[in-house]
Every structure is written in structure tokens, then in C-alpha cells.
Amino acid sequence: MRAKRLTIKERKEIFHALVLLQDEGVGSTAETIQQTAKRFKIDDSQVEQIVEEGIDKDWLDEVVTAA
């Protein structure tokens, strides 16, 4: 599947959704990546890229303050 072009806002939303799933402890890291990919209709690999981007750009701080 070809990677979907996403805005920064969309990528942050996906990152936030993944972090919330992981915080809830609903599954392993791989399972939460799969769930997030399915929810947003993107590949697992694209979720992984978004995670890397989110960590590199400190989006985790934004998730913490938004929660």
C-alpha cells in the first residue's frame, strides 16, 4: 500500500491516538500500532514513521499537556 499524504495535524492526531492506546495498556506495542493503522486507514509502517517523527519533535509533551 502506498503511504497516504498526511498533514502535520493528522500525524499529530495519529501519534496522540497511539500514545493514548498504549497508556491504556490495551495491547503490545505492535498491537497498538496495528489498531491505530486500521483506525486511520494507513500502513503499520506509516504509523511507525509517525512515532519516530513524534519522538524526534517532542510531540509527547503536547500529548501530556492535552490530556
N, C-alpha and C. Protein backbone atom coordinates (compact mmCIF):
# COMPACT_ATOMS: atom_id res chain seq x y z
N MET A 1 0.84 -1.17 0.00
CA MET A 1 0.00 0.00 0.00
C MET A 1 0.89 1.25 0.00
N ARG A 2 0.50 2.22 -0.78
CA ARG A 2 1.25 3.46 -0.87
C ARG A 2 0.95 4.34 0.34
N ALA A 3 1.96 5.02 0.85
CA ALA A 3 1.78 5.88 2.02
C ALA A 3 0.82 7.02 1.69
N LYS A 4 -0.08 7.26 2.60
CA LYS A 4 -1.06 8.32 2.47
C LYS A 4 -0.40 9.64 2.87
N ARG A 5 -0.62 10.69 2.10
CA ARG A 5 -0.09 12.01 2.46
C ARG A 5 -0.93 12.56 3.60
N LEU A 6 -0.26 12.93 4.67
CA LEU A 6 -0.94 13.41 5.86
C LEU A 6 -0.40 14.78 6.27
N THR A 7 -1.28 15.62 6.75
CA THR A 7 -0.85 16.91 7.26
C THR A 7 -0.19 16.71 8.62
N ILE A 8 0.49 17.71 9.09
CA ILE A 8 1.11 17.61 10.42
C ILE A 8 0.03 17.44 11.48
N LYS A 9 -1.10 18.10 11.30
CA LYS A 9 -2.20 17.97 12.26
C LYS A 9 -2.69 16.52 12.31
N GLU A 10 -2.82 15.89 11.14
CA GLU A 10 -3.26 14.49 11.08
C GLU A 10 -2.22 13.56 11.72
N ARG A 11 -0.95 13.82 11.45
CA ARG A 11 0.11 12.99 12.02
C ARG A 11 0.13 13.12 13.55
N LYS A 12 -0.07 14.33 14.05
CA LYS A 12 -0.12 14.53 15.50
C LYS A 12 -1.33 13.82 16.10
N GLU A 13 -2.46 13.84 15.40
CA GLU A 13 -3.66 13.15 15.87
C GLU A 13 -3.41 11.65 15.96
N ILE A 14 -2.74 11.10 14.96
CA ILE A 14 -2.42 9.67 14.95
C ILE A 14 -1.46 9.35 16.09
N PHE A 15 -0.45 10.17 16.27
CA PHE A 15 0.52 9.97 17.36
C PHE A 15 -0.19 10.00 18.70
N HIS A 16 -1.05 10.98 18.89
CA HIS A 16 -1.80 11.12 20.15
C HIS A 16 -2.67 9.89 20.39
N ALA A 17 -3.36 9.42 19.36
CA ALA A 17 -4.22 8.24 19.49
C ALA A 17 -3.40 7.01 19.90
N LEU A 18 -2.25 6.85 19.29
CA LEU A 18 -1.39 5.71 19.62
C LEU A 18 -0.91 5.79 21.07
N VAL A 19 -0.47 6.96 21.48
CA VAL A 19 0.02 7.12 22.86
C VAL A 19 -1.10 6.81 23.85
N LEU A 20 -2.31 7.28 23.58
CA LEU A 20 -3.43 7.00 24.48
C LEU A 20 -3.73 5.51 24.56
N LEU A 21 -3.69 4.82 23.41
CA LEU A 21 -3.89 3.37 23.42
C LEU A 21 -2.84 2.68 24.27
N GLN A 22 -1.59 3.08 24.09
CA GLN A 22 -0.51 2.45 24.84
C GLN A 22 -0.62 2.76 26.33
N ASP A 23 -1.05 3.97 26.66
CA ASP A 23 -1.25 4.33 28.07
C ASP A 23 -2.36 3.50 28.72
N GLU A 24 -3.37 3.15 27.91
CA GLU A 24 -4.48 2.35 28.42
C GLU A 24 -4.09 0.89 28.59
N GLY A 25 -2.96 0.51 28.01
CA GLY A 25 -2.48 -0.87 28.13
C GLY A 25 -3.36 -1.88 27.42
N VAL A 26 -3.92 -1.48 26.26
CA VAL A 26 -4.84 -2.37 25.54
C VAL A 26 -4.14 -3.43 24.71
N GLY A 27 -2.83 -3.43 24.70
CA GLY A 27 -2.11 -4.45 23.93
C GLY A 27 -0.64 -4.11 23.87
N SER A 28 0.08 -4.95 23.16
CA SER A 28 1.51 -4.73 22.98
C SER A 28 1.72 -3.53 22.05
N THR A 29 2.96 -3.11 21.94
CA THR A 29 3.28 -2.00 21.03
C THR A 29 2.85 -2.35 19.61
N ALA A 30 3.17 -3.56 19.17
CA ALA A 30 2.80 -3.97 17.81
C ALA A 30 1.28 -3.96 17.62
N GLU A 31 0.55 -4.40 18.64
CA GLU A 31 -0.92 -4.43 18.54
C GLU A 31 -1.50 -3.02 18.49
N THR A 32 -0.95 -2.10 19.28
CA THR A 32 -1.47 -0.74 19.25
C THR A 32 -1.14 -0.05 17.94
N ILE A 33 0.00 -0.37 17.37
CA ILE A 33 0.35 0.18 16.05
C ILE A 33 -0.64 -0.34 15.01
N GLN A 34 -0.95 -1.63 15.06
CA GLN A 34 -1.91 -2.21 14.11
C GLN A 34 -3.29 -1.61 14.28
N GLN A 35 -3.72 -1.43 15.52
CA GLN A 35 -5.04 -0.84 15.79
C GLN A 35 -5.11 0.59 15.27
N THR A 36 -4.05 1.34 15.50
CA THR A 36 -4.01 2.73 15.06
C THR A 36 -3.99 2.81 13.53
N ALA A 37 -3.21 1.95 12.91
CA ALA A 37 -3.15 1.92 11.44
C ALA A 37 -4.52 1.61 10.85
N LYS A 38 -5.20 0.65 11.44
CA LYS A 38 -6.53 0.27 10.96
C LYS A 38 -7.51 1.42 11.14
N ARG A 39 -7.47 2.06 12.29
CA ARG A 39 -8.40 3.17 12.58
C ARG A 39 -8.23 4.32 11.59
N PHE A 40 -6.97 4.63 11.25
CA PHE A 40 -6.72 5.77 10.36
C PHE A 40 -6.50 5.36 8.91
N LYS A 41 -6.67 4.07 8.63
CA LYS A 41 -6.56 3.53 7.26
C LYS A 41 -5.22 3.85 6.62
N ILE A 42 -4.15 3.54 7.39
CA ILE A 42 -2.80 3.69 6.89
C ILE A 42 -2.02 2.42 7.22
N ASP A 43 -0.83 2.30 6.66
CA ASP A 43 0.03 1.14 6.91
C ASP A 43 0.67 1.22 8.29
N ASP A 44 0.98 0.05 8.84
CA ASP A 44 1.72 -0.02 10.10
C ASP A 44 3.03 0.76 9.99
N SER A 45 3.70 0.63 8.84
CA SER A 45 4.99 1.31 8.66
C SER A 45 4.83 2.83 8.71
N GLN A 46 3.70 3.33 8.24
CA GLN A 46 3.48 4.78 8.30
C GLN A 46 3.25 5.22 9.75
N VAL A 47 2.55 4.39 10.53
CA VAL A 47 2.38 4.70 11.95
C VAL A 47 3.75 4.72 12.63
N GLU A 48 4.59 3.77 12.30
CA GLU A 48 5.94 3.72 12.89
C GLU A 48 6.74 4.97 12.53
N GLN A 49 6.60 5.45 11.30
CA GLN A 49 7.28 6.68 10.88
C GLN A 49 6.76 7.88 11.67
N ILE A 50 5.44 7.90 11.89
CA ILE A 50 4.83 8.99 12.66
C ILE A 50 5.33 8.95 14.10
N VAL A 51 5.48 7.75 14.66
CA VAL A 51 6.00 7.62 16.02
C VAL A 51 7.41 8.21 16.09
N GLU A 52 8.25 7.85 15.14
CA GLU A 52 9.62 8.38 15.11
C GLU A 52 9.60 9.90 15.00
N GLU A 53 8.76 10.42 14.12
CA GLU A 53 8.66 11.87 13.96
C GLU A 53 8.18 12.52 15.26
N GLY A 54 7.18 11.93 15.87
CA GLY A 54 6.64 12.47 17.12
C GLY A 54 7.67 12.50 18.23
N ILE A 55 8.47 11.46 18.31
CA ILE A 55 9.52 11.42 19.34
C ILE A 55 10.60 12.45 19.02
N ASP A 56 11.02 12.51 17.76
CA ASP A 56 12.05 13.47 17.35
C ASP A 56 11.63 14.91 17.59
N LYS A 57 10.33 15.19 17.41
CA LYS A 57 9.84 16.57 17.52
C LYS A 57 9.15 16.85 18.85
N ASP A 58 9.31 15.95 19.80
CA ASP A 58 8.77 16.12 21.15
C ASP A 58 7.25 16.32 21.19
N TRP A 59 6.53 15.58 20.36
CA TRP A 59 5.07 15.66 20.38
C TRP A 59 4.51 15.05 21.66
N LEU A 60 5.30 14.24 22.32
CA LEU A 60 4.82 13.60 23.55
C LEU A 60 4.47 14.67 24.59
N ASP A 61 5.24 15.75 24.63
CA ASP A 61 4.92 16.85 25.55
C ASP A 61 3.54 17.44 25.23
N GLU A 62 3.20 17.54 23.96
CA GLU A 62 1.90 18.06 23.56
C GLU A 62 0.78 17.10 23.99
N VAL A 63 1.03 15.81 23.90
CA VAL A 63 0.03 14.81 24.31
C VAL A 63 -0.21 14.92 25.80
N VAL A 64 0.86 15.06 26.57
CA VAL A 64 0.75 15.14 28.03
C VAL A 64 -0.04 16.38 28.43
N THR A 65 0.22 17.51 27.81
CA THR A 65 -0.47 18.74 28.18
C THR A 65 -1.90 18.73 27.69
N ALA A 66 -2.20 18.00 26.61
CA ALA A 66 -3.55 17.93 26.07
C ALA A 66 -4.43 17.00 26.88
N ALA A 67 -3.83 16.04 27.56
CA ALA A 67 -4.61 15.03 28.31
C ALA A 67 -5.15 15.55 29.61
